[in-house]
Amino acid sequence: MRAKSISVSGSVALLALLAAGCAGSQGGQPQAGDTRFVAGDGKMQVFAAADRQAAPAIEGPTLDGGTASLAAHQGKVVVINFWASWCGPCRAEAPVLKEVAAKTKSSGVEFIGIDFKDRKADALAFERTEQSGYPSIFDQPGKVALAFQGTVPPAAIPSTLIIDERGRIAARALGAVTYTDLMNTVSKVRDE
């Protein structure tokens, strides 16, 4: 009887992990019972202009063999999304990000993905399937994610940040974003 209750507890913990968000483990993918995730509801939290912190400088190799950096988009609104191919909520929000990126590109908004704690082959397969239309930095060791510590907990995947035209963190969401919330917040930051 005791073994059965442990198995049920483990299943409940795994379901909670998948429903609320994902966490990176040492091997790159979450393990059963891994509860080191930061739950999020996906709601955008907008920071008042006076309270905004400068975004750290980020740069890295992209999955497609190029290089992406925040500095390359200076003076533009940039949406940064932390994701991994093994993360269920990341897969669920991918079409939302793709659509908002496509609809806001003509107004100067740029998107950068940060593929976090992933296997490159799995990340490339995810990109081929989703065809996001924007570059993703391959951040297997999590160095880019750590640069945002204090704004985004390192175990909060998916997470989305909106960087304003002055290079400051204007908004964030922990968890999968919705189309309406992301589009409204991007538009608000872009129109400031």
N, C-alpha and C. Protein backbone atom coordinates (compact mmCIF):
# COMPACT_ATOMS: atom_id res chain seq x y z
N MET A 1 0.83 -1.20 0.00
CA MET A 1 0.00 0.00 0.00
C MET A 1 0.87 1.25 0.00
N ARG A 2 1.96 1.22 0.76
CA ARG A 2 2.85 2.38 0.83
C ARG A 2 3.45 2.69 -0.53
N ALA A 3 3.87 1.69 -1.29
CA ALA A 3 4.46 1.91 -2.61
C ALA A 3 3.46 2.58 -3.54
N LYS A 4 2.21 2.21 -3.45
CA LYS A 4 1.19 2.80 -4.30
C LYS A 4 1.01 4.28 -4.00
N SER A 5 1.01 4.68 -2.72
CA SER A 5 0.83 6.09 -2.37
C SER A 5 2.04 6.92 -2.80
N ILE A 6 3.23 6.34 -2.77
CA ILE A 6 4.42 7.05 -3.23
C ILE A 6 4.31 7.28 -4.74
N SER A 7 3.88 6.26 -5.46
CA SER A 7 3.73 6.38 -6.92
C SER A 7 2.71 7.45 -7.28
N VAL A 8 1.60 7.49 -6.56
CA VAL A 8 0.58 8.50 -6.80
C VAL A 8 1.13 9.89 -6.49
N SER A 9 1.89 10.02 -5.39
CA SER A 9 2.49 11.31 -5.04
C SER A 9 3.45 11.76 -6.12
N GLY A 10 4.27 10.84 -6.63
CA GLY A 10 5.20 11.18 -7.70
C GLY A 10 4.48 11.62 -8.95
N SER A 11 3.38 10.96 -9.28
CA SER A 11 2.60 11.33 -10.46
C SER A 11 1.98 12.71 -10.30
N VAL A 12 1.49 13.00 -9.11
CA VAL A 12 0.91 14.32 -8.85
C VAL A 12 1.98 15.40 -8.98
N ALA A 13 3.18 15.15 -8.44
CA ALA A 13 4.27 16.13 -8.55
C ALA A 13 4.65 16.36 -10.01
N LEU A 14 4.72 15.29 -10.79
CA LEU A 14 5.07 15.43 -12.20
C LEU A 14 3.99 16.21 -12.95
N LEU A 15 2.73 15.91 -12.68
CA LEU A 15 1.64 16.66 -13.33
C LEU A 15 1.69 18.13 -12.94
N ALA A 16 1.99 18.43 -11.69
CA ALA A 16 2.10 19.83 -11.26
C ALA A 16 3.23 20.52 -12.00
N LEU A 17 4.34 19.82 -12.18
CA LEU A 17 5.48 20.37 -12.92
C LEU A 17 5.08 20.71 -14.35
N LEU A 18 4.43 19.80 -15.02
CA LEU A 18 4.06 20.03 -16.41
C LEU A 18 2.99 21.11 -16.55
N ALA A 19 2.07 21.18 -15.62
CA ALA A 19 1.00 22.16 -15.71
C ALA A 19 1.47 23.58 -15.41
N ALA A 20 2.38 23.72 -14.48
CA ALA A 20 2.76 25.06 -14.03
C ALA A 20 3.96 25.64 -14.76
N GLY A 21 4.83 24.84 -15.24
CA GLY A 21 6.04 25.34 -15.90
C GLY A 21 7.07 24.25 -15.88
N CYS A 22 8.26 24.57 -16.34
CA CYS A 22 9.30 23.56 -16.44
C CYS A 22 10.54 24.05 -15.74
N ALA A 23 11.38 23.11 -15.34
CA ALA A 23 12.65 23.45 -14.70
C ALA A 23 13.76 22.68 -15.36
N GLY A 24 14.91 23.30 -15.45
CA GLY A 24 16.06 22.60 -16.01
C GLY A 24 16.75 21.80 -14.93
N SER A 25 17.19 20.59 -15.27
CA SER A 25 17.95 19.79 -14.33
C SER A 25 19.38 19.70 -14.85
N GLN A 26 20.22 19.06 -14.11
CA GLN A 26 21.62 18.98 -14.51
C GLN A 26 21.79 18.36 -15.88
N GLY A 27 20.96 17.36 -16.22
CA GLY A 27 21.08 16.69 -17.50
C GLY A 27 20.42 17.43 -18.63
N GLY A 28 19.77 18.53 -18.36
CA GLY A 28 19.15 19.32 -19.41
C GLY A 28 17.65 19.17 -19.45
N GLN A 29 17.13 18.00 -19.07
CA GLN A 29 15.70 17.80 -19.09
C GLN A 29 15.21 17.50 -17.68
N PRO A 30 13.95 17.86 -17.38
CA PRO A 30 13.44 17.60 -16.04
C PRO A 30 13.30 16.11 -15.80
N GLN A 31 13.46 15.72 -14.57
CA GLN A 31 13.29 14.32 -14.18
C GLN A 31 11.96 14.19 -13.43
N ALA A 32 11.41 13.01 -13.40
CA ALA A 32 10.16 12.76 -12.67
C ALA A 32 10.33 13.21 -11.22
N GLY A 33 9.38 13.95 -10.72
CA GLY A 33 9.42 14.43 -9.36
C GLY A 33 10.23 15.70 -9.17
N ASP A 34 10.81 16.24 -10.25
CA ASP A 34 11.59 17.48 -10.17
C ASP A 34 10.64 18.64 -9.87
N THR A 35 10.75 19.20 -8.69
CA THR A 35 9.83 20.27 -8.30
C THR A 35 10.55 21.61 -8.18
N ARG A 36 11.70 21.75 -8.82
CA ARG A 36 12.47 22.99 -8.73
C ARG A 36 12.02 23.98 -9.79
N PHE A 37 10.75 24.06 -10.06
CA PHE A 37 10.24 24.99 -11.05
C PHE A 37 9.66 26.20 -10.35
N VAL A 38 9.51 27.25 -11.07
CA VAL A 38 8.85 28.45 -10.57
C VAL A 38 7.54 28.56 -11.32
N ALA A 39 6.47 28.38 -10.60
CA ALA A 39 5.15 28.43 -11.24
C ALA A 39 4.84 29.85 -11.68
N GLY A 40 4.12 29.95 -12.75
CA GLY A 40 3.71 31.26 -13.24
C GLY A 40 2.38 31.15 -13.93
N ASP A 41 1.64 32.24 -13.94
CA ASP A 41 0.33 32.22 -14.56
C ASP A 41 0.34 32.81 -15.97
N GLY A 42 1.51 33.26 -16.44
CA GLY A 42 1.62 33.80 -17.79
C GLY A 42 1.15 35.24 -17.94
N LYS A 43 0.69 35.85 -16.88
CA LYS A 43 0.21 37.24 -16.95
C LYS A 43 1.40 38.19 -17.05
N MET A 44 1.27 39.17 -17.93
CA MET A 44 2.33 40.16 -18.09
C MET A 44 2.30 41.14 -16.92
N GLN A 45 3.44 41.33 -16.31
CA GLN A 45 3.60 42.33 -15.25
C GLN A 45 4.38 43.48 -15.87
N VAL A 46 3.76 44.65 -15.94
CA VAL A 46 4.41 45.82 -16.54
C VAL A 46 5.04 46.65 -15.43
N PHE A 47 6.30 47.04 -15.64
CA PHE A 47 7.02 47.84 -14.65
C PHE A 47 6.89 49.32 -15.01
N ALA A 48 6.65 50.16 -14.01
CA ALA A 48 6.59 51.60 -14.23
C ALA A 48 7.93 52.06 -14.78
N ALA A 49 7.91 53.05 -15.68
CA ALA A 49 9.14 53.53 -16.33
C ALA A 49 10.22 53.89 -15.31
N ALA A 50 9.85 54.49 -14.21
CA ALA A 50 10.83 54.91 -13.20
C ALA A 50 11.46 53.71 -12.47
N ASP A 51 10.80 52.56 -12.51
CA ASP A 51 11.28 51.37 -11.79
C ASP A 51 12.01 50.37 -12.68
N ARG A 52 12.15 50.66 -13.94
CA ARG A 52 12.74 49.70 -14.88
C ARG A 52 14.25 49.61 -14.72
N GLN A 53 14.73 48.38 -14.78
CA GLN A 53 16.16 48.09 -14.70
C GLN A 53 16.70 47.84 -16.10
N ALA A 54 17.94 48.21 -16.32
CA ALA A 54 18.59 47.95 -17.61
C ALA A 54 18.70 46.45 -17.83
N ALA A 55 18.42 46.03 -19.03
CA ALA A 55 18.59 44.62 -19.37
C ALA A 55 20.08 44.33 -19.50
N PRO A 56 20.51 43.16 -19.08
CA PRO A 56 21.93 42.82 -19.25
C PRO A 56 22.26 42.64 -20.74
N ALA A 57 23.52 42.80 -21.06
CA ALA A 57 23.96 42.56 -22.44
C ALA A 57 23.94 41.06 -22.66
N ILE A 58 23.24 40.63 -23.70
CA ILE A 58 23.22 39.21 -24.03
C ILE A 58 23.63 39.01 -25.47
N GLU A 59 24.32 37.95 -25.70
CA GLU A 59 24.76 37.59 -27.04
C GLU A 59 25.09 36.11 -27.03
N GLY A 60 24.85 35.46 -28.15
CA GLY A 60 25.21 34.05 -28.22
C GLY A 60 24.93 33.45 -29.57
N PRO A 61 25.42 32.21 -29.74
CA PRO A 61 25.19 31.50 -30.99
C PRO A 61 23.73 31.09 -31.11
N THR A 62 23.20 31.23 -32.30
CA THR A 62 21.80 30.84 -32.53
C THR A 62 21.73 29.41 -33.04
N LEU A 63 20.55 28.84 -32.95
CA LEU A 63 20.34 27.48 -33.42
C LEU A 63 20.60 27.34 -34.91
N ASP A 64 20.41 28.43 -35.66
CA ASP A 64 20.60 28.36 -37.12
C ASP A 64 22.04 28.65 -37.54
N GLY A 65 22.95 28.76 -36.57
CA GLY A 65 24.36 28.95 -36.89
C GLY A 65 24.84 30.39 -36.89
N GLY A 66 23.96 31.33 -36.64
CA GLY A 66 24.35 32.74 -36.59
C GLY A 66 24.66 33.18 -35.18
N THR A 67 24.55 34.47 -34.96
CA THR A 67 24.73 35.05 -33.63
C THR A 67 23.60 36.05 -33.42
N ALA A 68 23.09 36.11 -32.22
CA ALA A 68 22.06 37.10 -31.89
C ALA A 68 22.49 37.85 -30.64
N SER A 69 22.11 39.12 -30.58
CA SER A 69 22.41 39.92 -29.39
C SER A 69 21.32 40.95 -29.18
N LEU A 70 21.18 41.35 -27.95
CA LEU A 70 20.24 42.41 -27.63
C LEU A 70 20.74 43.73 -28.19
N ALA A 71 22.05 43.94 -28.17
CA ALA A 71 22.65 45.19 -28.66
C ALA A 71 22.35 45.44 -30.14
N ALA A 72 22.16 44.38 -30.91
CA ALA A 72 21.86 44.53 -32.34
C ALA A 72 20.50 45.18 -32.58
N HIS A 73 19.68 45.22 -31.55
CA HIS A 73 18.32 45.79 -31.67
C HIS A 73 18.15 47.05 -30.84
N GLN A 74 19.26 47.73 -30.58
CA GLN A 74 19.23 48.96 -29.78
C GLN A 74 18.22 49.94 -30.36
N GLY A 75 17.43 50.55 -29.50
CA GLY A 75 16.43 51.52 -29.93
C GLY A 75 15.11 50.91 -30.36
N LYS A 76 14.99 49.58 -30.24
CA LYS A 76 13.76 48.88 -30.60
C LYS A 76 13.19 48.17 -29.38
N VAL A 77 11.91 47.88 -29.43
CA VAL A 77 11.30 47.02 -28.42
C VAL A 77 11.68 45.59 -28.79
N VAL A 78 12.14 44.83 -27.79
CA VAL A 78 12.56 43.45 -28.02
C VAL A 78 11.82 42.54 -27.03
N VAL A 79 11.26 41.46 -27.56
CA VAL A 79 10.63 40.44 -26.73
C VAL A 79 11.61 39.27 -26.64
N ILE A 80 11.93 38.88 -25.41
CA ILE A 80 12.83 37.76 -25.16
C ILE A 80 12.01 36.65 -24.52
N ASN A 81 12.09 35.46 -25.12
CA ASN A 81 11.34 34.32 -24.59
C ASN A 81 12.29 33.18 -24.26
N PHE A 82 12.25 32.72 -23.01
CA PHE A 82 13.04 31.59 -22.55
C PHE A 82 12.20 30.33 -22.75
N TRP A 83 12.75 29.34 -23.46
CA TRP A 83 11.99 28.14 -23.78
C TRP A 83 12.91 26.92 -23.84
N ALA A 84 12.31 25.75 -23.93
CA ALA A 84 13.03 24.50 -24.16
C ALA A 84 12.09 23.54 -24.87
N SER A 85 12.65 22.69 -25.70
CA SER A 85 11.82 21.75 -26.48
C SER A 85 11.10 20.75 -25.59
N TRP A 86 11.64 20.44 -24.42
CA TRP A 86 11.06 19.46 -23.51
C TRP A 86 9.97 20.05 -22.61
N CYS A 87 9.70 21.32 -22.75
CA CYS A 87 8.77 22.02 -21.86
C CYS A 87 7.38 22.11 -22.51
N GLY A 88 6.41 21.42 -21.93
CA GLY A 88 5.05 21.41 -22.46
C GLY A 88 4.44 22.80 -22.61
N PRO A 89 4.50 23.66 -21.58
CA PRO A 89 3.94 25.01 -21.72
C PRO A 89 4.66 25.83 -22.80
N CYS A 90 5.95 25.55 -23.02
CA CYS A 90 6.69 26.26 -24.08
C CYS A 90 6.13 25.88 -25.44
N ARG A 91 5.84 24.61 -25.62
CA ARG A 91 5.24 24.14 -26.87
C ARG A 91 3.87 24.77 -27.08
N ALA A 92 3.11 24.87 -26.00
CA ALA A 92 1.75 25.43 -26.10
C ALA A 92 1.77 26.90 -26.49
N GLU A 93 2.75 27.66 -26.00
CA GLU A 93 2.76 29.10 -26.28
C GLU A 93 3.49 29.45 -27.57
N ALA A 94 4.20 28.52 -28.18
CA ALA A 94 4.99 28.80 -29.39
C ALA A 94 4.17 29.45 -30.51
N PRO A 95 2.95 28.97 -30.81
CA PRO A 95 2.17 29.62 -31.87
C PRO A 95 1.79 31.07 -31.53
N VAL A 96 1.57 31.35 -30.25
CA VAL A 96 1.25 32.71 -29.81
C VAL A 96 2.43 33.64 -30.09
N LEU A 97 3.63 33.21 -29.69
CA LEU A 97 4.82 34.03 -29.90
C LEU A 97 5.05 34.26 -31.40
N LYS A 98 4.91 33.21 -32.18
CA LYS A 98 5.10 33.31 -33.63
C LYS A 98 4.14 34.33 -34.24
N GLU A 99 2.88 34.27 -33.84
CA GLU A 99 1.88 35.18 -34.40
C GLU A 99 2.12 36.63 -33.98
N VAL A 100 2.41 36.85 -32.71
CA VAL A 100 2.67 38.23 -32.25
C VAL A 100 3.94 38.76 -32.91
N ALA A 101 4.96 37.93 -33.04
CA ALA A 101 6.21 38.36 -33.70
C ALA A 101 5.92 38.79 -35.13
N ALA A 102 5.14 38.00 -35.85
CA ALA A 102 4.83 38.32 -37.25
C ALA A 102 4.01 39.60 -37.36
N LYS A 103 3.06 39.79 -36.45
CA LYS A 103 2.18 40.95 -36.53
C LYS A 103 2.84 42.25 -36.07
N THR A 104 3.89 42.17 -35.29
CA THR A 104 4.52 43.39 -34.76
C THR A 104 5.85 43.72 -35.44
N LYS A 105 6.36 42.83 -36.26
CA LYS A 105 7.66 43.05 -36.92
C LYS A 105 7.67 44.33 -37.74
N SER A 106 6.60 44.60 -38.48
CA SER A 106 6.57 45.80 -39.34
C SER A 106 6.58 47.09 -38.52
N SER A 107 6.24 47.02 -37.24
CA SER A 107 6.27 48.21 -36.39
C SER A 107 7.58 48.30 -35.60
N GLY A 108 8.56 47.44 -35.95
CA GLY A 108 9.89 47.55 -35.34
C GLY A 108 10.12 46.71 -34.11
N VAL A 109 9.21 45.83 -33.76
CA VAL A 109 9.40 44.97 -32.59
C VAL A 109 10.19 43.74 -33.03
N GLU A 110 11.19 43.37 -32.24
CA GLU A 110 12.03 42.21 -32.53
C GLU A 110 11.84 41.15 -31.46
N PHE A 111 12.00 39.90 -31.82
CA PHE A 111 11.90 38.77 -30.90
C PHE A 111 13.22 38.01 -30.90
N ILE A 112 13.62 37.55 -29.73
CA ILE A 112 14.77 36.66 -29.58
C ILE A 112 14.35 35.54 -28.64
N GLY A 113 14.54 34.30 -29.08
CA GLY A 113 14.31 33.16 -28.21
C GLY A 113 15.60 32.80 -27.48
N ILE A 114 15.45 32.24 -26.30
CA ILE A 114 16.60 31.73 -25.55
C ILE A 114 16.28 30.26 -25.25
N ASP A 115 16.90 29.36 -25.99
CA ASP A 115 16.69 27.93 -25.79
C ASP A 115 17.57 27.50 -24.62
N PHE A 116 16.94 27.12 -23.54
CA PHE A 116 17.56 26.94 -22.23
C PHE A 116 17.66 25.47 -21.85
N LYS A 117 18.86 25.03 -21.47
CA LYS A 117 19.06 23.68 -20.92
C LYS A 117 18.44 22.61 -21.81
N ASP A 118 18.78 22.63 -23.07
CA ASP A 118 18.16 21.76 -24.05
C ASP A 118 19.23 20.98 -24.80
N ARG A 119 18.84 19.92 -25.47
CA ARG A 119 19.72 19.23 -26.41
C ARG A 119 19.56 19.90 -27.75
N LYS A 120 20.66 20.18 -28.41
CA LYS A 120 20.61 20.94 -29.66
C LYS A 120 19.74 20.25 -30.71
N ALA A 121 19.86 18.95 -30.86
CA ALA A 121 19.06 18.23 -31.86
C ALA A 121 17.56 18.37 -31.57
N ASP A 122 17.18 18.31 -30.30
CA ASP A 122 15.77 18.47 -29.93
C ASP A 122 15.30 19.89 -30.19
N ALA A 123 16.15 20.86 -29.89
CA ALA A 123 15.80 22.26 -30.11
C ALA A 123 15.65 22.55 -31.60
N LEU A 124 16.54 21.99 -32.42
CA LEU A 124 16.44 22.18 -33.88
C LEU A 124 15.17 21.55 -34.43
N ALA A 125 14.80 20.39 -33.92
CA ALA A 125 13.55 19.74 -34.36
C ALA A 125 12.35 20.60 -33.97
N PHE A 126 12.38 21.17 -32.77
CA PHE A 126 11.30 22.07 -32.31
C PHE A 126 11.20 23.27 -33.25
N GLU A 127 12.33 23.86 -33.58
CA GLU A 127 12.35 25.03 -34.47
C GLU A 127 11.83 24.68 -35.87
N ARG A 128 12.20 23.52 -36.39
CA ARG A 128 11.70 23.10 -37.71
C ARG A 128 10.18 22.96 -37.69
N THR A 129 9.65 22.44 -36.60
CA THR A 129 8.21 22.25 -36.47
C THR A 129 7.48 23.58 -36.30
N GLU A 130 7.98 24.42 -35.40
CA GLU A 130 7.29 25.68 -35.06
C GLU A 130 7.56 26.81 -36.04
N GLN A 131 8.73 26.83 -36.65
CA GLN A 131 9.11 27.90 -37.58
C GLN A 131 8.75 29.27 -37.02
N SER A 132 9.39 29.63 -35.93
CA SER A 132 9.06 30.85 -35.18
C SER A 132 9.24 32.13 -35.98
N GLY A 133 10.20 32.15 -36.90
CA GLY A 133 10.44 33.36 -37.67
C GLY A 133 11.40 34.33 -37.01
N TYR A 134 11.98 33.96 -35.90
CA TYR A 134 12.98 34.79 -35.22
C TYR A 134 14.07 33.88 -34.65
N PRO A 135 15.26 34.44 -34.40
CA PRO A 135 16.37 33.60 -33.93
C PRO A 135 16.24 33.21 -32.47
N SER A 136 16.84 32.07 -32.16
CA SER A 136 16.93 31.61 -30.77
C SER A 136 18.39 31.33 -30.43
N ILE A 137 18.84 31.94 -29.35
CA ILE A 137 20.18 31.68 -28.84
C ILE A 137 20.16 30.31 -28.16
N PHE A 138 21.16 29.48 -28.48
CA PHE A 138 21.29 28.18 -27.84
C PHE A 138 22.04 28.37 -26.54
N ASP A 139 21.31 28.31 -25.42
CA ASP A 139 21.85 28.60 -24.09
C ASP A 139 21.82 27.34 -23.23
N GLN A 140 22.46 26.27 -23.70
CA GLN A 140 22.43 25.01 -22.98
C GLN A 140 22.92 25.15 -21.54
N PRO A 141 24.00 25.87 -21.28
CA PRO A 141 24.45 25.97 -19.88
C PRO A 141 23.61 26.93 -19.02
N GLY A 142 22.76 27.74 -19.62
CA GLY A 142 21.92 28.64 -18.85
C GLY A 142 22.56 29.97 -18.49
N LYS A 143 23.63 30.36 -19.17
CA LYS A 143 24.34 31.60 -18.84
C LYS A 143 23.49 32.84 -19.13
N VAL A 144 22.74 32.84 -20.23
CA VAL A 144 21.88 33.99 -20.55
C VAL A 144 20.78 34.10 -19.49
N ALA A 145 20.19 32.98 -19.14
CA ALA A 145 19.14 32.99 -18.12
C ALA A 145 19.68 33.55 -16.79
N LEU A 146 20.89 33.15 -16.42
CA LEU A 146 21.47 33.65 -15.17
C LEU A 146 21.72 35.16 -15.21
N ALA A 147 21.97 35.70 -16.39
CA ALA A 147 22.19 37.15 -16.51
C ALA A 147 20.94 37.93 -16.10
N PHE A 148 19.77 37.30 -16.19
CA PHE A 148 18.51 37.95 -15.82
C PHE A 148 18.06 37.60 -14.41
N GLN A 149 18.92 36.94 -13.65
CA GLN A 149 18.55 36.56 -12.28
C GLN A 149 18.15 37.80 -11.50
N GLY A 150 17.06 37.70 -10.78
CA GLY A 150 16.50 38.84 -10.06
C GLY A 150 15.26 39.35 -10.78
N THR A 151 15.22 39.16 -12.09
CA THR A 151 14.04 39.51 -12.88
C THR A 151 13.29 38.25 -13.28
N VAL A 152 14.04 37.26 -13.72
CA VAL A 152 13.47 35.97 -14.08
C VAL A 152 14.21 34.91 -13.28
N PRO A 153 13.50 34.17 -12.43
CA PRO A 153 14.17 33.08 -11.71
C PRO A 153 14.75 32.09 -12.72
N PRO A 154 15.96 31.60 -12.50
CA PRO A 154 16.60 30.70 -13.46
C PRO A 154 15.79 29.45 -13.80
N ALA A 155 14.89 29.04 -12.93
CA ALA A 155 14.08 27.84 -13.19
C ALA A 155 12.69 28.18 -13.71
N ALA A 156 12.48 29.38 -14.18
CA ALA A 156 11.15 29.78 -14.67
C ALA A 156 11.09 29.66 -16.18
N ILE A 157 10.57 28.53 -16.65
CA ILE A 157 10.44 28.32 -18.08
C ILE A 157 9.03 27.83 -18.34
N PRO A 158 8.31 28.40 -19.26
CA PRO A 158 8.70 29.52 -20.11
C PRO A 158 8.61 30.84 -19.35
N SER A 159 9.37 31.80 -19.79
CA SER A 159 9.31 33.18 -19.30
C SER A 159 9.47 34.10 -20.49
N THR A 160 8.83 35.25 -20.40
CA THR A 160 8.90 36.22 -21.49
C THR A 160 9.18 37.60 -20.90
N LEU A 161 10.13 38.31 -21.51
CA LEU A 161 10.46 39.68 -21.11
C LEU A 161 10.21 40.60 -22.29
N ILE A 162 9.81 41.82 -21.99
CA ILE A 162 9.72 42.85 -23.02
C ILE A 162 10.70 43.95 -22.63
N ILE A 163 11.63 44.22 -23.54
CA ILE A 163 12.66 45.24 -23.32
C ILE A 163 12.21 46.49 -24.07
N ASP A 164 12.20 47.65 -23.39
CA ASP A 164 11.76 48.88 -24.06
C ASP A 164 12.84 49.45 -24.97
N GLU A 165 12.53 50.51 -25.68
CA GLU A 165 13.45 51.12 -26.64
C GLU A 165 14.72 51.65 -25.99
N ARG A 166 14.68 51.89 -24.69
CA ARG A 166 15.87 52.37 -23.96
C ARG A 166 16.69 51.23 -23.36
N GLY A 167 16.32 49.98 -23.68
CA GLY A 167 17.08 48.83 -23.19
C GLY A 167 16.76 48.42 -21.78
N ARG A 168 15.59 48.81 -21.28
CA ARG A 168 15.19 48.47 -19.91
C ARG A 168 14.10 47.40 -19.92
N ILE A 169 14.07 46.62 -18.88
CA ILE A 169 13.05 45.57 -18.75
C ILE A 169 11.73 46.23 -18.40
N ALA A 170 10.79 46.22 -19.36
CA ALA A 170 9.52 46.91 -19.21
C ALA A 170 8.41 46.00 -18.70
N ALA A 171 8.51 44.71 -18.99
CA ALA A 171 7.46 43.78 -18.57
C ALA A 171 8.02 42.37 -18.55
N ARG A 172 7.34 41.50 -17.80
CA ARG A 172 7.72 40.09 -17.77
C ARG A 172 6.50 39.24 -17.50
N ALA A 173 6.60 38.01 -17.96
CA ALA A 173 5.58 36.99 -17.66
C ALA A 173 6.30 35.71 -17.31
N LEU A 174 5.90 35.09 -16.23
CA LEU A 174 6.40 33.78 -15.85
C LEU A 174 5.30 32.79 -16.18
N GLY A 175 5.58 31.85 -17.04
CA GLY A 175 4.57 30.91 -17.51
C GLY A 175 4.18 31.24 -18.94
N ALA A 176 3.37 30.38 -19.52
CA ALA A 176 2.95 30.55 -20.91
C ALA A 176 2.06 31.78 -21.07
N VAL A 177 2.37 32.61 -22.06
CA VAL A 177 1.62 33.84 -22.30
C VAL A 177 0.43 33.58 -23.22
N THR A 178 -0.58 34.44 -23.10
CA THR A 178 -1.71 34.37 -24.02
C THR A 178 -1.51 35.42 -25.12
N TYR A 179 -2.15 35.20 -26.23
CA TYR A 179 -2.04 36.12 -27.36
C TYR A 179 -2.44 37.54 -26.95
N THR A 180 -3.61 37.68 -26.35
CA THR A 180 -4.14 39.00 -26.00
C THR A 180 -3.22 39.73 -25.04
N ASP A 181 -2.78 39.05 -24.00
CA ASP A 181 -1.93 39.69 -22.99
C ASP A 181 -0.60 40.12 -23.60
N LEU A 182 0.01 39.24 -24.39
CA LEU A 182 1.30 39.58 -25.00
C LEU A 182 1.14 40.71 -26.02
N MET A 183 0.17 40.62 -26.89
CA MET A 183 -0.02 41.64 -27.91
C MET A 183 -0.33 43.00 -27.28
N ASN A 184 -1.19 43.02 -26.29
CA ASN A 184 -1.53 44.29 -25.63
C ASN A 184 -0.32 44.91 -24.93
N THR A 185 0.49 44.08 -24.29
CA THR A 185 1.65 44.60 -23.56
C THR A 185 2.74 45.07 -24.53
N VAL A 186 2.98 44.30 -25.58
CA VAL A 186 3.96 44.72 -26.59
C VAL A 186 3.54 46.05 -27.19
N SER A 187 2.26 46.17 -27.52
CA SER A 187 1.75 47.42 -28.11
C SER A 187 1.89 48.59 -27.17
N LYS A 188 1.60 48.36 -25.89
CA LYS A 188 1.71 49.41 -24.89
C LYS A 188 3.14 49.89 -24.75
N VAL A 189 4.10 48.98 -24.67
CA VAL A 189 5.51 49.34 -24.52
C VAL A 189 6.01 50.02 -25.80
N ARG A 190 5.61 49.51 -26.95
CA ARG A 190 6.02 50.08 -28.23
C ARG A 190 5.51 51.52 -28.39
N ASP A 191 4.31 51.80 -27.90
CA ASP A 191 3.67 53.11 -28.08
C ASP A 191 4.03 54.12 -27.01
N GLU A 192 4.88 53.76 -26.07
CA GLU A 192 5.26 54.71 -24.99
C GLU A 192 5.98 55.92 -25.55
